[in-house]
Amino acid sequence: MLLRIPGVYPPQEDTWLLADVLDRHGLAPGRSVLDLCTGTGVLALRAAQAGAHSVTAVDVSRRALVTAWTNARLRGHHIRVQRSDLVAGVRGERFDLVVSNPPYVPAADDELPDTGIARAWDAGKDGRALLDRICVGAPEVLGERGTLLLAQSALSGVEKTQTMLEEQGLSVDVVARTEIPFGPVLAARRALFESRGLIAPGQRTEELVVIRAVR
């Protein structure tokens, strides 16, 4: 069980899909790991438990960082927590592995919430407000032969993510996929998604993917 302060995004299917990839591919042992948009810190913890040399957990939410640090401390792991707008606070550092499960849900408009739980999923009209920035920023902090693992929904443009990462000189592939029913947030936006052509009429599921990009 994880401690979770109210207002912090709870681990869900996308989190566990990314955690499974992290475990299956054995990317953490002995490596320096950066967890962007850490939330409860579950991915940072998974990396620490797997034997990462060092783990840095980043989030803009103070509540998330307190949650991540406490969860690590309760399990006897040390992680560094850093309040930062994505990679802004760690520029100049290099990591062997960057993992991220950022907000990616398309919203009614491009105004991003700066407080409240919706900050954990709202990502502008196309769902790419953070994805685009990660595609540009994460390669800046990847070390030689470093790897990025990035979770997102097919609703927010998998091909665009792949193209942007390839433009940064990375080798890119999709290493995991799963289809899940809409949760409460997506179910409430089904009419909006249909009107934009993001889903078929009557569609009630979304595809989640994990993208791997290697320098």
C-alpha atoms as a PDB file:
ATOM      1  CA  MET A   1       0.000   0.000   0.000  1.00  0.00           C
ATOM      2  CA  LEU A   2       1.183   3.519  -0.841  1.00  0.00           C
ATOM      3  CA  LEU A   3       0.647   6.644   1.174  1.00  0.00           C
ATOM      4  CA  ARG A   4      -1.243   9.211  -0.902  1.00  0.00           C
ATOM      5  CA  ILE A   5      -1.969  12.756   0.219  1.00  0.00           C
ATOM      6  CA  PRO A   6      -5.307  14.099  -1.128  1.00  0.00           C
ATOM      7  CA  GLY A   7      -4.730  15.868  -4.442  1.00  0.00           C
ATOM      8  CA  VAL A   8      -1.970  13.491  -5.571  1.00  0.00           C
ATOM      9  CA  TYR A   9      -2.630  11.286  -8.619  1.00  0.00           C
ATOM     10  CA  PRO A  10      -3.197   7.658  -7.574  1.00  0.00           C
ATOM     11  CA  PRO A  11      -1.363   4.924  -9.483  1.00  0.00           C
ATOM     12  CA  GLN A  12      -3.615   3.492 -12.192  1.00  0.00           C
ATOM     13  CA  GLU A  13      -3.335   1.284 -15.283  1.00  0.00           C
ATOM     14  CA  ASP A  14      -0.870   3.600 -17.047  1.00  0.00           C
ATOM     15  CA  THR A  15       1.393   3.637 -13.997  1.00  0.00           C
ATOM     16  CA  TRP A  16       1.405  -0.149 -13.696  1.00  0.00           C
ATOM     17  CA  LEU A  17       1.955  -0.630 -17.428  1.00  0.00           C
ATOM     18  CA  LEU A  18       5.056   1.555 -17.234  1.00  0.00           C
ATOM     19  CA  ALA A  19       6.220  -0.156 -14.028  1.00  0.00           C
ATOM     20  CA  ASP A  20       5.883  -3.541 -15.723  1.00  0.00           C
ATOM     21  CA  VAL A  21       8.047  -2.382 -18.640  1.00  0.00           C
ATOM     22  CA  LEU A  22      10.626  -1.046 -16.190  1.00  0.00           C
ATOM     23  CA  ASP A  23      10.779  -4.450 -14.496  1.00  0.00           C
ATOM     24  CA  ARG A  24      10.675  -6.601 -17.634  1.00  0.00           C
ATOM     25  CA  HIS A  25      13.455  -4.771 -19.428  1.00  0.00           C
ATOM     26  CA  GLY A  26      15.725  -4.553 -16.375  1.00  0.00           C
ATOM     27  CA  LEU A  27      16.703  -0.957 -17.079  1.00  0.00           C
ATOM     28  CA  ALA A  28      17.153   0.315 -13.512  1.00  0.00           C
ATOM     29  CA  PRO A  29      19.851  -1.784 -11.753  1.00  0.00           C
ATOM     30  CA  GLY A  30      23.040   0.182 -11.242  1.00  0.00           C
ATOM     31  CA  ARG A  31      21.768   3.182 -13.173  1.00  0.00           C
ATOM     32  CA  SER A  32      20.847   6.791 -12.457  1.00  0.00           C
ATOM     33  CA  VAL A  33      17.101   7.261 -12.865  1.00  0.00           C
ATOM     34  CA  LEU A  34      14.934  10.356 -13.291  1.00  0.00           C
ATOM     35  CA  ASP A  35      11.175  10.074 -12.693  1.00  0.00           C
ATOM     36  CA  LEU A  36       9.329  13.032 -14.241  1.00  0.00           C
ATOM     37  CA  CYS A  37       5.820  13.774 -12.889  1.00  0.00           C
ATOM     38  CA  THR A  38       6.423  11.348 -10.031  1.00  0.00           C
ATOM     39  CA  GLY A  39       3.051  11.621  -8.256  1.00  0.00           C
ATOM     40  CA  THR A  40       3.108   9.109  -5.392  1.00  0.00           C
ATOM     41  CA  GLY A  41       6.635   8.132  -6.396  1.00  0.00           C
ATOM     42  CA  VAL A  42       5.709   4.567  -7.324  1.00  0.00           C
ATOM     43  CA  LEU A  43       7.984   4.495 -10.404  1.00  0.00           C
ATOM     44  CA  ALA A  44      10.869   6.040  -8.489  1.00  0.00           C
ATOM     45  CA  LEU A  45      10.331   3.403  -5.812  1.00  0.00           C
ATOM     46  CA  ARG A  46      10.214   0.608  -8.387  1.00  0.00           C
ATOM     47  CA  ALA A  47      13.561   1.796  -9.754  1.00  0.00           C
ATOM     48  CA  ALA A  48      15.087   2.006  -6.268  1.00  0.00           C
ATOM     49  CA  GLN A  49      13.814  -1.469  -5.384  1.00  0.00           C
ATOM     50  CA  ALA A  50      15.351  -2.807  -8.602  1.00  0.00           C
ATOM     51  CA  GLY A  51      18.778  -1.555  -7.539  1.00  0.00           C
ATOM     52  CA  ALA A  52      19.147   1.830  -9.233  1.00  0.00           C
ATOM     53  CA  HIS A  53      22.365   3.633  -8.309  1.00  0.00           C
ATOM     54  CA  SER A  54      20.462   6.887  -7.739  1.00  0.00           C
ATOM     55  CA  VAL A  55      16.859   8.023  -8.181  1.00  0.00           C
ATOM     56  CA  THR A  56      15.579  11.571  -8.624  1.00  0.00           C
ATOM     57  CA  ALA A  57      11.824  12.194  -8.462  1.00  0.00           C
ATOM     58  CA  VAL A  58      10.498  15.417 -10.018  1.00  0.00           C
ATOM     59  CA  ASP A  59       7.070  17.030  -9.790  1.00  0.00           C
ATOM     60  CA  VAL A  60       5.580  20.528  -9.710  1.00  0.00           C
ATOM     61  CA  SER A  61       3.334  19.512  -6.813  1.00  0.00           C
ATOM     62  CA  ARG A  62       4.702  19.882  -3.301  1.00  0.00           C
ATOM     63  CA  ARG A  63       2.134  17.337  -2.112  1.00  0.00           C
ATOM     64  CA  ALA A  64       3.410  14.820  -4.636  1.00  0.00           C
ATOM     65  CA  LEU A  65       7.008  15.290  -3.522  1.00  0.00           C
ATOM     66  CA  VAL A  66       6.122  14.891   0.152  1.00  0.00           C
ATOM     67  CA  THR A  67       4.187  11.749  -0.774  1.00  0.00           C
ATOM     68  CA  ALA A  68       7.022  10.296  -2.871  1.00  0.00           C
ATOM     69  CA  TRP A  69       9.689  11.043  -0.249  1.00  0.00           C
ATOM     70  CA  THR A  70       7.569   9.541   2.537  1.00  0.00           C
ATOM     71  CA  ASN A  71       6.757   6.402   0.562  1.00  0.00           C
ATOM     72  CA  ALA A  72      10.452   5.880  -0.117  1.00  0.00           C
ATOM     73  CA  ARG A  73      11.424   6.525   3.500  1.00  0.00           C
ATOM     74  CA  LEU A  74       8.806   4.074   4.799  1.00  0.00           C
ATOM     75  CA  ARG A  75      10.349   1.373   2.598  1.00  0.00           C
ATOM     76  CA  GLY A  76      13.948   2.145   3.494  1.00  0.00           C
ATOM     77  CA  HIS A  77      14.888   3.668   0.145  1.00  0.00           C
ATOM     78  CA  HIS A  78      16.591   6.982  -0.539  1.00  0.00           C
ATOM     79  CA  ILE A  79      15.334   9.081  -3.405  1.00  0.00           C
ATOM     80  CA  ARG A  80      16.087  12.706  -4.139  1.00  0.00           C
ATOM     81  CA  VAL A  81      12.970  14.818  -4.625  1.00  0.00           C
ATOM     82  CA  GLN A  82      13.091  17.948  -6.744  1.00  0.00           C
ATOM     83  CA  ARG A  83      10.298  20.468  -7.261  1.00  0.00           C
ATOM     84  CA  SER A  84      10.681  21.383 -10.901  1.00  0.00           C
ATOM     85  CA  ASP A  85       8.816  22.133 -14.107  1.00  0.00           C
ATOM     86  CA  LEU A  86       9.851  18.922 -15.873  1.00  0.00           C
ATOM     87  CA  VAL A  87      13.629  18.966 -16.518  1.00  0.00           C
ATOM     88  CA  ALA A  88      14.164  22.649 -15.658  1.00  0.00           C
ATOM     89  CA  GLY A  89      15.612  21.815 -12.236  1.00  0.00           C
ATOM     90  CA  VAL A  90      17.977  19.071 -13.424  1.00  0.00           C
ATOM     91  CA  ARG A  91      19.460  20.616 -16.558  1.00  0.00           C
ATOM     92  CA  GLY A  92      23.171  19.989 -16.618  1.00  0.00           C
ATOM     93  CA  GLU A  93      22.713  16.512 -15.113  1.00  0.00           C
ATOM     94  CA  ARG A  94      22.640  13.283 -17.102  1.00  0.00           C
ATOM     95  CA  PHE A  95      20.591  10.170 -16.376  1.00  0.00           C
ATOM     96  CA  ASP A  96      20.810   6.631 -17.699  1.00  0.00           C
ATOM     97  CA  LEU A  97      17.042   6.239 -17.554  1.00  0.00           C
ATOM     98  CA  VAL A  98      14.173   8.739 -17.628  1.00  0.00           C
ATOM     99  CA  VAL A  99      10.655   7.493 -16.897  1.00  0.00           C
ATOM    100  CA  SER A 100       7.515   9.581 -17.138  1.00  0.00           C
ATOM    101  CA  ASN A 101       3.767   9.142 -16.813  1.00  0.00           C
ATOM    102  CA  PRO A 102       2.714  12.759 -17.429  1.00  0.00           C
ATOM    103  CA  PRO A 103      -0.725  14.356 -17.792  1.00  0.00           C
ATOM    104  CA  TYR A 104      -1.978  13.573 -21.307  1.00  0.00           C
ATOM    105  CA  VAL A 105      -5.795  13.778 -21.318  1.00  0.00           C
ATOM    106  CA  PRO A 106      -7.263  16.146 -23.942  1.00  0.00           C
ATOM    107  CA  ALA A 107      -9.218  18.938 -22.260  1.00  0.00           C
ATOM    108  CA  ALA A 108     -11.814  21.508 -23.254  1.00  0.00           C
ATOM    109  CA  ASP A 109      -9.185  24.234 -23.721  1.00  0.00           C
ATOM    110  CA  ASP A 110      -5.464  24.914 -23.495  1.00  0.00           C
ATOM    111  CA  GLU A 111      -5.531  26.558 -20.066  1.00  0.00           C
ATOM    112  CA  LEU A 112      -3.714  24.208 -17.709  1.00  0.00           C
ATOM    113  CA  PRO A 113      -4.856  23.995 -14.084  1.00  0.00           C
ATOM    114  CA  ASP A 114      -2.223  25.101 -11.590  1.00  0.00           C
ATOM    115  CA  THR A 115      -3.943  23.623  -8.526  1.00  0.00           C
ATOM    116  CA  GLY A 116      -6.148  20.651  -7.754  1.00  0.00           C
ATOM    117  CA  ILE A 117      -6.197  17.042  -8.845  1.00  0.00           C
ATOM    118  CA  ALA A 118      -7.052  17.911 -12.485  1.00  0.00           C
ATOM    119  CA  ARG A 119      -3.454  19.090 -12.817  1.00  0.00           C
ATOM    120  CA  ALA A 120      -2.558  15.370 -12.849  1.00  0.00           C
ATOM    121  CA  TRP A 121      -4.407  14.680 -16.121  1.00  0.00           C
ATOM    122  CA  ASP A 122      -5.463  17.838 -18.025  1.00  0.00           C
ATOM    123  CA  ALA A 123      -2.996  18.537 -20.845  1.00  0.00           C
ATOM    124  CA  GLY A 124      -4.552  21.071 -23.216  1.00  0.00           C
ATOM    125  CA  LYS A 125      -6.930  20.571 -26.136  1.00  0.00           C
ATOM    126  CA  ASP A 126      -4.755  17.960 -27.843  1.00  0.00           C
ATOM    127  CA  GLY A 127      -3.426  16.355 -24.656  1.00  0.00           C
ATOM    128  CA  ARG A 128       0.130  17.249 -25.600  1.00  0.00           C
ATOM    129  CA  ALA A 129       0.970  20.240 -23.402  1.00  0.00           C
ATOM    130  CA  LEU A 130       3.511  18.182 -21.448  1.00  0.00           C
ATOM    131  CA  LEU A 131       4.217  15.407 -23.946  1.00  0.00           C
ATOM    132  CA  ASP A 132       5.680  17.842 -26.480  1.00  0.00           C
ATOM    133  CA  ARG A 133       7.898  19.418 -23.844  1.00  0.00           C
ATOM    134  CA  ILE A 134       9.104  16.034 -22.613  1.00  0.00           C
ATOM    135  CA  CYS A 135       9.942  14.966 -26.165  1.00  0.00           C
ATOM    136  CA  VAL A 136      12.219  18.008 -26.442  1.00  0.00           C
ATOM    137  CA  GLY A 137      13.474  18.245 -22.861  1.00  0.00           C
ATOM    138  CA  ALA A 138      14.079  14.648 -21.818  1.00  0.00           C
ATOM    139  CA  PRO A 139      16.769  14.005 -24.472  1.00  0.00           C
ATOM    140  CA  GLU A 140      18.719  16.949 -22.997  1.00  0.00           C
ATOM    141  CA  VAL A 141      19.242  15.029 -19.753  1.00  0.00           C
ATOM    142  CA  LEU A 142      19.770  11.548 -21.199  1.00  0.00           C
ATOM    143  CA  GLY A 143      23.278  10.191 -20.863  1.00  0.00           C
ATOM    144  CA  GLU A 144      25.135   8.247 -23.525  1.00  0.00           C
ATOM    145  CA  ARG A 145      22.990   5.263 -24.538  1.00  0.00           C
ATOM    146  CA  GLY A 146      20.337   6.544 -22.141  1.00  0.00           C
ATOM    147  CA  THR A 147      16.715   5.404 -22.345  1.00  0.00           C
ATOM    148  CA  LEU A 148      13.399   7.233 -22.028  1.00  0.00           C
ATOM    149  CA  LEU A 149      10.223   5.327 -21.095  1.00  0.00           C
ATOM    150  CA  LEU A 150       7.102   7.406 -21.636  1.00  0.00           C
ATOM    151  CA  ALA A 151       3.458   6.448 -21.025  1.00  0.00           C
ATOM    152  CA  GLN A 152       0.567   8.056 -22.867  1.00  0.00           C
ATOM    153  CA  SER A 153      -2.862   7.486 -24.375  1.00  0.00           C
ATOM    154  CA  ALA A 154      -3.475   6.918 -28.072  1.00  0.00           C
ATOM    155  CA  LEU A 155      -5.921   9.849 -27.792  1.00  0.00           C
ATOM    156  CA  SER A 156      -2.954  12.219 -27.526  1.00  0.00           C
ATOM    157  CA  GLY A 157      -1.025  11.189 -30.618  1.00  0.00           C
ATOM    158  CA  VAL A 158       1.419   8.301 -30.363  1.00  0.00           C
ATOM    159  CA  GLU A 159       2.832   8.869 -33.842  1.00  0.00           C
ATOM    160  CA  LYS A 160       3.606  12.500 -33.036  1.00  0.00           C
ATOM    161  CA  THR A 161       5.524  11.451 -29.937  1.00  0.00           C
ATOM    162  CA  GLN A 162       7.514   8.932 -31.952  1.00  0.00           C
ATOM    163  CA  THR A 163       8.290  11.492 -34.653  1.00  0.00           C
ATOM    164  CA  MET A 164       9.376  14.170 -32.180  1.00  0.00           C
ATOM    165  CA  LEU A 165      11.700  11.781 -30.365  1.00  0.00           C
ATOM    166  CA  GLU A 166      13.201  10.546 -33.621  1.00  0.00           C
ATOM    167  CA  GLU A 167      13.859  14.174 -34.550  1.00  0.00           C
ATOM    168  CA  GLN A 168      15.933  14.376 -31.352  1.00  0.00           C
ATOM    169  CA  GLY A 169      18.139  11.586 -32.702  1.00  0.00           C
ATOM    170  CA  LEU A 170      16.648   8.756 -30.620  1.00  0.00           C
ATOM    171  CA  SER A 171      15.710   5.239 -31.700  1.00  0.00           C
ATOM    172  CA  VAL A 172      12.015   4.817 -30.876  1.00  0.00           C
ATOM    173  CA  ASP A 173       9.574   1.938 -30.512  1.00  0.00           C
ATOM    174  CA  VAL A 174       6.355   1.057 -28.682  1.00  0.00           C
ATOM    175  CA  VAL A 175       7.152  -1.637 -26.102  1.00  0.00           C
ATOM    176  CA  ALA A 176       3.755  -2.103 -24.426  1.00  0.00           C
ATOM    177  CA  ARG A 177       0.083  -1.575 -25.213  1.00  0.00           C
ATOM    178  CA  THR A 178      -3.137  -2.191 -23.356  1.00  0.00           C
ATOM    179  CA  GLU A 179      -6.812  -1.372 -23.911  1.00  0.00           C
ATOM    180  CA  ILE A 180      -8.795  -0.192 -20.886  1.00  0.00           C
ATOM    181  CA  PRO A 181     -12.334   1.102 -20.273  1.00  0.00           C
ATOM    182  CA  PHE A 182     -12.766   4.845 -19.882  1.00  0.00           C
ATOM    183  CA  GLY A 183     -12.404   5.981 -16.316  1.00  0.00           C
ATOM    184  CA  PRO A 184     -14.605   8.737 -14.848  1.00  0.00           C
ATOM    185  CA  VAL A 185     -12.622  11.620 -16.404  1.00  0.00           C
ATOM    186  CA  LEU A 186     -12.641  10.244 -19.956  1.00  0.00           C
ATOM    187  CA  ALA A 187     -16.217   9.008 -19.688  1.00  0.00           C
ATOM    188  CA  ALA A 188     -17.318  12.544 -18.797  1.00  0.00           C
ATOM    189  CA  ARG A 189     -15.527  13.850 -21.921  1.00  0.00           C
ATOM    190  CA  ARG A 190     -16.758  11.222 -24.374  1.00  0.00           C
ATOM    191  CA  ALA A 191     -18.997  13.675 -26.250  1.00  0.00           C
ATOM    192  CA  LEU A 192     -16.104  16.150 -26.496  1.00  0.00           C
ATOM    193  CA  PHE A 193     -13.794  13.459 -27.880  1.00  0.00           C
ATOM    194  CA  GLU A 194     -16.414  12.330 -30.398  1.00  0.00           C
ATOM    195  CA  SER A 195     -16.950  15.906 -31.605  1.00  0.00           C
ATOM    196  CA  ARG A 196     -13.216  16.248 -32.243  1.00  0.00           C
ATOM    197  CA  GLY A 197     -12.943  12.907 -34.013  1.00  0.00           C
ATOM    198  CA  LEU A 198     -10.628  11.486 -31.354  1.00  0.00           C
ATOM    199  CA  ILE A 199     -12.853   8.449 -30.804  1.00  0.00           C
ATOM    200  CA  ALA A 200     -15.498   6.586 -32.787  1.00  0.00           C
ATOM    201  CA  PRO A 201     -19.167   7.100 -31.905  1.00  0.00           C
ATOM    202  CA  GLY A 202     -19.990   4.988 -28.872  1.00  0.00           C
ATOM    203  CA  GLN A 203     -16.350   4.191 -28.090  1.00  0.00           C
ATOM    204  CA  ARG A 204     -15.765   3.587 -24.400  1.00  0.00           C
ATOM    205  CA  THR A 205     -12.175   2.386 -24.275  1.00  0.00           C
ATOM    206  CA  GLU A 206      -8.736   3.897 -24.790  1.00  0.00           C
ATOM    207  CA  GLU A 207      -5.391   2.408 -25.702  1.00  0.00           C
ATOM    208  CA  LEU A 208      -2.445   3.110 -23.428  1.00  0.00           C
ATOM    209  CA  VAL A 209       1.099   2.697 -24.700  1.00  0.00           C
ATOM    210  CA  VAL A 210       4.637   2.844 -23.377  1.00  0.00           C
ATOM    211  CA  ILE A 211       7.160   4.348 -25.771  1.00  0.00           C
ATOM    212  CA  ARG A 212      10.851   3.556 -25.440  1.00  0.00           C
ATOM    213  CA  ALA A 213      13.392   5.968 -26.906  1.00  0.00           C
ATOM    214  CA  VAL A 214      17.110   5.156 -26.788  1.00  0.00           C
ATOM    215  CA  ARG A 215      20.060   7.418 -27.508  1.00  0.00           C
END
